[in-house]
Protein backbone atom coordinates (compact mmCIF):
# COMPACT_ATOMS: atom_id res chain seq x y z
CA MET A 1 85.79 -25.97 84.94
CA LYS A 2 87.87 -28.49 83.11
CA LEU A 3 88.51 -30.31 85.60
CA PRO A 4 84.91 -31.99 85.11
CA SER A 5 85.73 -32.31 81.95
CA PHE A 6 88.55 -33.81 82.30
CA LEU A 7 86.62 -36.05 84.59
CA GLN A 8 84.52 -36.94 82.06
CA LYS A 9 87.16 -37.37 80.40
CA LEU A 10 89.53 -39.71 82.25
CA PHE A 11 86.22 -41.97 83.57
CA THR A 12 85.02 -42.65 79.67
CA PHE A 13 88.68 -43.72 78.95
CA TYR A 14 88.47 -46.22 81.70
CA ARG A 15 85.18 -47.37 81.05
CA GLU A 16 85.97 -47.90 77.09
CA GLY A 17 89.02 -50.25 78.36
CA PHE A 18 86.89 -52.30 80.89
CA ARG A 19 84.80 -52.77 77.84
CA ASN A 20 86.86 -53.57 75.74
CA MET A 21 88.74 -56.32 77.01
CA THR A 22 89.18 -59.84 76.55
CA VAL A 23 92.02 -61.14 78.98
CA GLY A 24 91.59 -58.09 81.73
CA LYS A 25 88.11 -58.47 82.95
CA THR A 26 89.42 -62.80 83.91
CA LEU A 27 92.08 -61.54 85.80
CA TRP A 28 90.55 -58.80 87.23
CA ILE A 29 87.93 -61.21 88.29
CA ILE A 30 90.56 -63.60 90.08
CA ILE A 31 92.40 -60.27 91.93
CA LEU A 32 89.29 -59.45 93.44
CA ILE A 33 88.16 -63.55 94.37
CA LYS A 34 91.61 -62.82 95.76
CA LEU A 35 91.34 -60.06 98.04
CA PHE A 36 88.27 -61.08 99.44
CA VAL A 37 90.43 -64.54 100.50
CA MET A 38 92.94 -62.31 102.25
CA PHE A 39 90.78 -60.09 103.77
CA VAL A 40 87.23 -61.86 104.47
CA VAL A 41 88.02 -65.52 105.11
CA LEU A 42 91.45 -65.27 106.30
CA LYS A 43 90.06 -62.86 109.18
CA ILE A 44 87.70 -65.16 110.39
CA PHE A 45 89.60 -68.32 110.48
CA PHE A 46 93.18 -67.33 111.11
CA PHE A 47 92.71 -63.64 113.34
CA PRO A 48 90.12 -63.94 115.94
CA ASN A 49 89.45 -61.14 117.91
CA TYR A 50 91.32 -62.11 121.00
CA LEU A 51 90.47 -58.53 122.99
CA LYS A 52 87.08 -59.36 122.19
CA THR A 53 87.14 -62.83 123.92
CA ASN A 54 89.27 -62.24 126.73
CA PHE A 55 87.76 -59.77 128.02
CA LYS A 56 84.29 -58.14 129.20
CA ASP A 57 83.81 -54.42 128.27
CA ASP A 58 86.03 -51.61 126.88
CA LYS A 59 87.67 -50.33 129.89
CA SER A 60 89.65 -54.19 130.58
CA ARG A 61 90.82 -54.44 127.34
CA ALA A 62 92.15 -50.96 126.95
CA ASP A 63 93.92 -51.33 130.19
CA HIS A 64 95.38 -54.33 129.17
CA VAL A 65 96.53 -52.74 125.40
CA ARG A 66 98.44 -49.83 127.99
CA GLN A 67 99.97 -52.48 130.03
CA GLU A 68 101.51 -54.68 127.12
CA LEU A 69 102.13 -51.48 125.20
CA THR A 70 104.51 -49.63 128.83
CA ILE A 71 105.67 -53.42 129.59
CA LYS A 72 106.42 -54.62 126.44
CA ASN A 73 108.99 -51.75 125.60
CA ASN A 74 110.89 -52.48 128.41
């Protein structure tokens, strides 16, 4: 029975903390922008989908991955 009350107090604690921040809000915005750049922009430009561009169907992709995993280890 105390768990929902505890979670409510915890949520209220963090909400009030973020609401009263001054420098912290700016830092969180910088962190979110950096995460966006790392996961979206870098993926689009530097990590193309090799399997989708070089193989037509799922079976040929799976065969290629299986072959690379088994042959490369020997």
